[in-house]
Amino acid sequence: MPNRAVLKASLLLSKWSMHATFMQKLIICIVAAFLTASIIQWAVVFIEGADDALNAGYKKDEKTLLSP
C-alpha cells in the first residue's frame, strides 16, 4: 500500500498545480512557429542544393543551345 504522506503530498500538489498563462502560451507558440519555419527553410535549401549537385552536368547555357 502507498504511504499516506505520499498520497497527501500528491493531493496537495494537484491542488496547487500551475497552469501556463496566456503570455507563456504565446511565447511557446512563437518559438514553435519559428522552429517549424526554420526546419522548412532548411529543407528547401537542402533540396535545392541536392538538385543542383545532381543536375550540374546537365545544365547548359544559352550559347550552346542557340548556336547552330
N, C-alpha and C. Protein backbone atom coordinates (compact mmCIF):
# COMPACT_ATOMS: atom_id res chain seq x y z
N MET A 1 0.84 -1.21 0.00
CA MET A 1 0.00 0.00 0.00
C MET A 1 0.87 1.25 0.00
N PRO A 2 0.42 2.28 -0.70
CA PRO A 2 1.20 3.51 -0.74
C PRO A 2 1.19 4.20 0.63
N ASN A 3 2.23 4.93 0.84
CA ASN A 3 2.39 5.67 2.07
C ASN A 3 1.37 6.82 2.12
N ARG A 4 0.82 7.09 3.31
CA ARG A 4 -0.18 8.16 3.44
C ARG A 4 0.43 9.54 3.16
N ALA A 5 1.67 9.71 3.51
CA ALA A 5 2.32 11.00 3.26
C ALA A 5 2.44 11.27 1.76
N VAL A 6 2.71 10.22 1.01
CA VAL A 6 2.80 10.38 -0.44
C VAL A 6 1.44 10.74 -1.02
N LEU A 7 0.40 10.11 -0.53
CA LEU A 7 -0.95 10.44 -1.02
C LEU A 7 -1.34 11.88 -0.68
N LYS A 8 -1.03 12.31 0.53
CA LYS A 8 -1.34 13.69 0.92
C LYS A 8 -0.54 14.69 0.08
N ALA A 9 0.71 14.40 -0.15
CA ALA A 9 1.55 15.29 -0.95
C ALA A 9 1.03 15.39 -2.37
N SER A 10 0.62 14.26 -2.95
CA SER A 10 0.12 14.30 -4.32
C SER A 10 -1.19 15.06 -4.41
N LEU A 11 -2.03 14.95 -3.38
CA LEU A 11 -3.27 15.72 -3.38
C LEU A 11 -3.00 17.21 -3.26
N LEU A 12 -2.05 17.59 -2.41
CA LEU A 12 -1.72 19.00 -2.26
C LEU A 12 -1.10 19.56 -3.52
N LEU A 13 -0.22 18.81 -4.16
CA LEU A 13 0.42 19.30 -5.38
C LEU A 13 -0.58 19.45 -6.52
N SER A 14 -1.52 18.52 -6.63
CA SER A 14 -2.52 18.64 -7.69
C SER A 14 -3.45 19.82 -7.44
N LYS A 15 -3.64 20.16 -6.17
CA LYS A 15 -4.49 21.29 -5.83
C LYS A 15 -3.83 22.61 -6.21
N TRP A 16 -2.51 22.69 -6.08
CA TRP A 16 -1.78 23.92 -6.33
C TRP A 16 -0.99 23.88 -7.64
N SER A 17 -1.36 23.03 -8.54
CA SER A 17 -0.59 22.92 -9.78
C SER A 17 -0.70 24.22 -10.59
N MET A 18 0.38 24.54 -11.29
CA MET A 18 0.42 25.77 -12.06
C MET A 18 -0.02 25.51 -13.49
N HIS A 19 -0.64 26.48 -14.06
CA HIS A 19 -1.03 26.44 -15.47
C HIS A 19 -0.33 27.58 -16.18
N ALA A 20 -0.07 27.39 -17.46
CA ALA A 20 0.62 28.42 -18.24
C ALA A 20 -0.32 29.61 -18.46
N THR A 21 0.23 30.80 -18.33
CA THR A 21 -0.55 32.00 -18.58
C THR A 21 -0.65 32.22 -20.09
N PHE A 22 -1.44 33.20 -20.47
CA PHE A 22 -1.61 33.49 -21.89
C PHE A 22 -0.29 33.88 -22.53
N MET A 23 0.49 34.72 -21.84
CA MET A 23 1.78 35.16 -22.41
C MET A 23 2.74 33.99 -22.56
N GLN A 24 2.75 33.06 -21.61
CA GLN A 24 3.62 31.90 -21.73
C GLN A 24 3.20 31.03 -22.90
N LYS A 25 1.91 30.86 -23.08
CA LYS A 25 1.42 30.08 -24.23
C LYS A 25 1.77 30.78 -25.54
N LEU A 26 1.67 32.10 -25.55
CA LEU A 26 2.00 32.86 -26.75
C LEU A 26 3.48 32.70 -27.09
N ILE A 27 4.34 32.78 -26.09
CA ILE A 27 5.78 32.62 -26.32
C ILE A 27 6.09 31.22 -26.80
N ILE A 28 5.45 30.21 -26.24
CA ILE A 28 5.66 28.83 -26.68
C ILE A 28 5.25 28.67 -28.14
N CYS A 29 4.13 29.26 -28.52
CA CYS A 29 3.66 29.17 -29.91
C CYS A 29 4.60 29.90 -30.87
N ILE A 30 5.12 31.04 -30.44
CA ILE A 30 6.06 31.79 -31.29
C ILE A 30 7.33 30.99 -31.50
N VAL A 31 7.86 30.40 -30.45
CA VAL A 31 9.08 29.59 -30.56
C VAL A 31 8.83 28.37 -31.45
N ALA A 32 7.68 27.72 -31.26
CA ALA A 32 7.35 26.55 -32.09
C ALA A 32 7.21 26.94 -33.56
N ALA A 33 6.59 28.07 -33.84
CA ALA A 33 6.43 28.53 -35.22
C ALA A 33 7.78 28.87 -35.84
N PHE A 34 8.67 29.50 -35.06
CA PHE A 34 10.00 29.83 -35.57
C PHE A 34 10.79 28.56 -35.89
N LEU A 35 10.73 27.57 -35.01
CA LEU A 35 11.45 26.31 -35.27
C LEU A 35 10.88 25.59 -36.48
N THR A 36 9.56 25.61 -36.63
CA THR A 36 8.94 24.98 -37.80
C THR A 36 9.37 25.67 -39.09
N ALA A 37 9.34 26.98 -39.10
CA ALA A 37 9.76 27.73 -40.28
C ALA A 37 11.24 27.49 -40.58
N SER A 38 12.05 27.38 -39.54
CA SER A 38 13.49 27.12 -39.74
C SER A 38 13.72 25.76 -40.38
N ILE A 39 13.00 24.76 -39.91
CA ILE A 39 13.15 23.41 -40.46
C ILE A 39 12.68 23.37 -41.91
N ILE A 40 11.58 24.05 -42.21
CA ILE A 40 11.08 24.08 -43.59
C ILE A 40 12.08 24.79 -44.50
N GLN A 41 12.63 25.92 -44.05
CA GLN A 41 13.60 26.65 -44.86
C GLN A 41 14.87 25.82 -45.07
N TRP A 42 15.32 25.12 -44.03
CA TRP A 42 16.49 24.26 -44.16
C TRP A 42 16.23 23.17 -45.20
N ALA A 43 15.04 22.59 -45.16
CA ALA A 43 14.71 21.53 -46.12
C ALA A 43 14.69 22.06 -47.55
N VAL A 44 14.16 23.26 -47.75
CA VAL A 44 14.13 23.85 -49.09
C VAL A 44 15.55 24.07 -49.61
N VAL A 45 16.40 24.63 -48.78
CA VAL A 45 17.79 24.87 -49.19
C VAL A 45 18.50 23.56 -49.45
N PHE A 46 18.26 22.57 -48.61
CA PHE A 46 18.89 21.26 -48.78
C PHE A 46 18.46 20.61 -50.09
N ILE A 47 17.18 20.66 -50.41
CA ILE A 47 16.68 20.05 -51.65
C ILE A 47 17.22 20.79 -52.87
N GLU A 48 17.25 22.11 -52.81
CA GLU A 48 17.80 22.88 -53.95
C GLU A 48 19.28 22.56 -54.15
N GLY A 49 20.03 22.46 -53.07
CA GLY A 49 21.45 22.12 -53.19
C GLY A 49 21.66 20.73 -53.73
N ALA A 50 20.85 19.78 -53.29
CA ALA A 50 20.97 18.42 -53.79
C ALA A 50 20.59 18.35 -55.27
N ASP A 51 19.57 19.10 -55.65
CA ASP A 51 19.16 19.13 -57.05
C ASP A 51 20.25 19.73 -57.92
N ASP A 52 20.86 20.81 -57.46
CA ASP A 52 21.97 21.41 -58.21
C ASP A 52 23.16 20.47 -58.32
N ALA A 53 23.44 19.74 -57.25
CA ALA A 53 24.58 18.82 -57.27
C ALA A 53 24.34 17.66 -58.23
N LEU A 54 23.10 17.21 -58.30
CA LEU A 54 22.80 16.08 -59.19
C LEU A 54 22.71 16.49 -60.65
N ASN A 55 22.19 17.67 -60.91
CA ASN A 55 21.93 18.08 -62.29
C ASN A 55 22.94 19.08 -62.83
N ALA A 56 24.05 19.27 -62.16
CA ALA A 56 25.04 20.26 -62.60
C ALA A 56 25.62 19.89 -63.96
N GLY A 57 25.79 18.62 -64.25
CA GLY A 57 26.35 18.21 -65.53
C GLY A 57 25.39 18.36 -66.69
N TYR A 58 24.10 18.47 -66.42
CA TYR A 58 23.11 18.55 -67.49
C TYR A 58 22.72 19.97 -67.85
N LYS A 59 23.10 20.93 -67.02
CA LYS A 59 22.74 22.32 -67.31
C LYS A 59 23.59 22.85 -68.45
N LYS A 60 22.93 23.61 -69.33
CA LYS A 60 23.63 24.20 -70.47
C LYS A 60 23.32 25.67 -70.50
N ASP A 61 24.23 26.43 -71.02
CA ASP A 61 23.99 27.86 -71.13
C ASP A 61 23.31 28.17 -72.46
N GLU A 62 22.90 29.41 -72.61
CA GLU A 62 22.14 29.82 -73.80
C GLU A 62 22.99 29.76 -75.06
N LYS A 63 24.28 29.98 -74.97
CA LYS A 63 25.13 29.97 -76.17
C LYS A 63 25.12 28.60 -76.83
N THR A 64 25.25 27.57 -76.07
CA THR A 64 25.31 26.23 -76.68
C THR A 64 23.94 25.81 -77.21
N LEU A 65 22.87 26.31 -76.60
CA LEU A 65 21.54 25.93 -77.07
C LEU A 65 21.15 26.69 -78.34
N LEU A 66 21.60 27.94 -78.50
CA LEU A 66 21.20 28.75 -79.65
C LEU A 66 22.17 28.69 -80.81
N SER A 67 23.39 28.26 -80.60
CA SER A 67 24.34 28.24 -81.70
C SER A 67 24.06 27.06 -82.63
N PRO A 68 24.23 27.26 -83.95
CA PRO A 68 23.94 26.19 -84.91
C PRO A 68 25.04 25.14 -85.00
